[in-house]
Amino acid sequence: MKRSYLPVALLLAVLMLNIIVTQYMVHQYFYQNYVNTIVAGIMNLVLFPLAFLIYKKGVNVHD
């Protein structure tokens, strides 16, 4: 059976976006842009379950 690396690449991309959005959120909080901080926090709340879904559907741990 041939392995697919697409789910792994998608998972890495989503987790990298998670790190970028978290850094953006901290930066905006430091400069007291609270609306941008809340938007970035909501983006993090959307990205994390997406990463978990990609992990559960595409990455087979028990091969």
N, C-alpha and C. Protein backbone atom coordinates (compact mmCIF):
# COMPACT_ATOMS: atom_id res chain seq x y z
N MET A 1 0.83 -1.17 0.00
CA MET A 1 0.00 0.00 0.00
C MET A 1 0.89 1.25 0.00
N LYS A 2 0.60 2.16 -0.89
CA LYS A 2 1.41 3.37 -1.02
C LYS A 2 1.00 4.41 0.03
N ARG A 3 2.00 5.03 0.61
CA ARG A 3 1.76 6.06 1.62
C ARG A 3 1.48 7.41 0.98
N SER A 4 0.58 8.16 1.59
CA SER A 4 0.27 9.50 1.10
C SER A 4 0.83 10.52 2.09
N TYR A 5 1.61 11.43 1.59
CA TYR A 5 2.21 12.45 2.45
C TYR A 5 1.41 13.75 2.44
N LEU A 6 0.32 13.79 1.70
CA LEU A 6 -0.51 15.00 1.64
C LEU A 6 -1.10 15.36 3.00
N PRO A 7 -1.67 14.41 3.76
CA PRO A 7 -2.20 14.80 5.09
C PRO A 7 -1.11 15.31 6.03
N VAL A 8 0.08 14.76 5.92
CA VAL A 8 1.18 15.21 6.77
C VAL A 8 1.55 16.65 6.40
N ALA A 9 1.62 16.94 5.10
CA ALA A 9 1.94 18.29 4.66
C ALA A 9 0.85 19.28 5.08
N LEU A 10 -0.41 18.87 4.98
CA LEU A 10 -1.51 19.74 5.41
C LEU A 10 -1.45 20.00 6.91
N LEU A 11 -1.14 18.96 7.66
CA LEU A 11 -1.04 19.11 9.11
C LEU A 11 0.10 20.06 9.48
N LEU A 12 1.23 19.92 8.82
CA LEU A 12 2.35 20.82 9.08
C LEU A 12 2.00 22.26 8.72
N ALA A 13 1.29 22.46 7.62
CA ALA A 13 0.89 23.81 7.20
C ALA A 13 -0.06 24.43 8.22
N VAL A 14 -1.04 23.67 8.69
CA VAL A 14 -2.01 24.20 9.65
C VAL A 14 -1.33 24.52 10.98
N LEU A 15 -0.43 23.66 11.41
CA LEU A 15 0.25 23.93 12.67
C LEU A 15 1.20 25.12 12.56
N MET A 16 1.82 25.31 11.40
CA MET A 16 2.64 26.50 11.19
C MET A 16 1.78 27.76 11.21
N LEU A 17 0.61 27.69 10.59
CA LEU A 17 -0.32 28.83 10.65
C LEU A 17 -0.73 29.11 12.09
N ASN A 18 -0.91 28.06 12.87
CA ASN A 18 -1.26 28.22 14.28
C ASN A 18 -0.18 28.99 15.03
N ILE A 19 1.08 28.67 14.78
CA ILE A 19 2.19 29.37 15.42
C ILE A 19 2.23 30.83 14.98
N ILE A 20 2.05 31.07 13.69
CA ILE A 20 2.09 32.43 13.16
C ILE A 20 0.97 33.28 13.75
N VAL A 21 -0.24 32.72 13.81
CA VAL A 21 -1.38 33.46 14.35
C VAL A 21 -1.19 33.73 15.84
N THR A 22 -0.61 32.79 16.57
CA THR A 22 -0.35 33.00 17.99
C THR A 22 0.65 34.13 18.21
N GLN A 23 1.71 34.16 17.41
CA GLN A 23 2.67 35.24 17.53
C GLN A 23 2.04 36.59 17.17
N TYR A 24 1.20 36.59 16.15
CA TYR A 24 0.50 37.82 15.77
C TYR A 24 -0.42 38.28 16.90
N MET A 25 -1.09 37.34 17.54
CA MET A 25 -2.00 37.68 18.62
C MET A 25 -1.24 38.31 19.80
N VAL A 26 -0.11 37.75 20.16
CA VAL A 26 0.69 38.30 21.26
C VAL A 26 1.21 39.70 20.89
N HIS A 27 1.63 39.86 19.65
CA HIS A 27 2.13 41.15 19.18
C HIS A 27 1.01 42.22 19.25
N GLN A 28 -0.17 41.85 18.79
CA GLN A 28 -1.28 42.81 18.81
C GLN A 28 -1.71 43.13 20.23
N TYR A 29 -1.66 42.16 21.13
CA TYR A 29 -2.01 42.42 22.53
C TYR A 29 -1.00 43.37 23.17
N PHE A 30 0.29 43.19 22.82
CA PHE A 30 1.32 44.07 23.37
C PHE A 30 1.09 45.51 22.96
N TYR A 31 0.65 45.73 21.72
CA TYR A 31 0.40 47.08 21.24
C TYR A 31 -1.05 47.52 21.45
N GLN A 32 -1.78 46.81 22.27
CA GLN A 32 -3.12 47.14 22.72
C GLN A 32 -4.13 47.26 21.57
N ASN A 33 -3.98 46.45 20.55
CA ASN A 33 -4.98 46.34 19.49
C ASN A 33 -5.87 45.14 19.83
N TYR A 34 -6.84 45.37 20.68
CA TYR A 34 -7.60 44.27 21.25
C TYR A 34 -8.55 43.61 20.27
N VAL A 35 -9.05 44.36 19.30
CA VAL A 35 -9.94 43.75 18.30
C VAL A 35 -9.15 42.73 17.46
N ASN A 36 -7.94 43.11 17.04
CA ASN A 36 -7.10 42.18 16.29
C ASN A 36 -6.70 40.98 17.14
N THR A 37 -6.51 41.21 18.43
CA THR A 37 -6.17 40.12 19.34
C THR A 37 -7.31 39.11 19.41
N ILE A 38 -8.54 39.59 19.49
CA ILE A 38 -9.69 38.69 19.56
C ILE A 38 -9.88 37.94 18.25
N VAL A 39 -9.68 38.62 17.12
CA VAL A 39 -9.80 37.96 15.82
C VAL A 39 -8.75 36.86 15.69
N ALA A 40 -7.52 37.14 16.09
CA ALA A 40 -6.46 36.13 16.03
C ALA A 40 -6.76 34.96 16.97
N GLY A 41 -7.32 35.25 18.12
CA GLY A 41 -7.70 34.18 19.04
C GLY A 41 -8.77 33.28 18.46
N ILE A 42 -9.74 33.87 17.78
CA ILE A 42 -10.80 33.07 17.13
C ILE A 42 -10.20 32.24 16.01
N MET A 43 -9.23 32.81 15.27
CA MET A 43 -8.57 32.04 14.22
C MET A 43 -7.84 30.83 14.81
N ASN A 44 -7.22 31.01 15.97
CA ASN A 44 -6.56 29.89 16.65
C ASN A 44 -7.57 28.83 17.06
N LEU A 45 -8.73 29.28 17.52
CA LEU A 45 -9.76 28.31 17.93
C LEU A 45 -10.32 27.54 16.75
N VAL A 46 -10.23 28.09 15.56
CA VAL A 46 -10.69 27.38 14.36
C VAL A 46 -9.59 26.47 13.82
N LEU A 47 -8.35 26.94 13.87
CA LEU A 47 -7.24 26.17 13.29
C LEU A 47 -6.91 24.91 14.09
N PHE A 48 -7.00 24.96 15.40
CA PHE A 48 -6.63 23.79 16.19
C PHE A 48 -7.53 22.59 15.93
N PRO A 49 -8.86 22.73 15.95
CA PRO A 49 -9.69 21.57 15.62
C PRO A 49 -9.50 21.09 14.18
N LEU A 50 -9.19 22.03 13.28
CA LEU A 50 -8.90 21.63 11.90
C LEU A 50 -7.67 20.73 11.85
N ALA A 51 -6.63 21.08 12.59
CA ALA A 51 -5.43 20.25 12.66
C ALA A 51 -5.75 18.89 13.26
N PHE A 52 -6.57 18.87 14.29
CA PHE A 52 -6.95 17.60 14.92
C PHE A 52 -7.75 16.73 13.95
N LEU A 53 -8.64 17.35 13.17
CA LEU A 53 -9.42 16.61 12.18
C LEU A 53 -8.52 16.03 11.10
N ILE A 54 -7.57 16.80 10.62
CA ILE A 54 -6.64 16.30 9.61
C ILE A 54 -5.83 15.14 10.18
N TYR A 55 -5.43 15.25 11.42
CA TYR A 55 -4.65 14.19 12.06
C TYR A 55 -5.46 12.90 12.17
N LYS A 56 -6.71 13.02 12.61
CA LYS A 56 -7.54 11.84 12.80
C LYS A 56 -7.91 11.17 11.47
N LYS A 57 -8.17 11.97 10.44
CA LYS A 57 -8.62 11.42 9.17
C LYS A 57 -7.46 10.89 8.31
N GLY A 58 -6.34 11.61 8.29
CA GLY A 58 -5.34 11.32 7.28
C GLY A 58 -4.07 10.66 7.74
N VAL A 59 -3.66 10.90 8.96
CA VAL A 59 -2.38 10.38 9.42
C VAL A 59 -2.65 9.09 10.19
N ASN A 60 -2.23 7.97 9.63
CA ASN A 60 -2.42 6.68 10.29
C ASN A 60 -1.25 6.41 11.23
N VAL A 61 -1.56 6.32 12.51
CA VAL A 61 -0.52 6.14 13.51
C VAL A 61 -0.16 4.66 13.63
N HIS A 62 -1.10 3.77 13.47
CA HIS A 62 -0.89 2.35 13.74
C HIS A 62 -0.62 1.55 12.48
N ASP A 63 0.24 2.01 11.61
CA ASP A 63 0.60 1.25 10.39
C ASP A 63 1.71 0.30 10.65
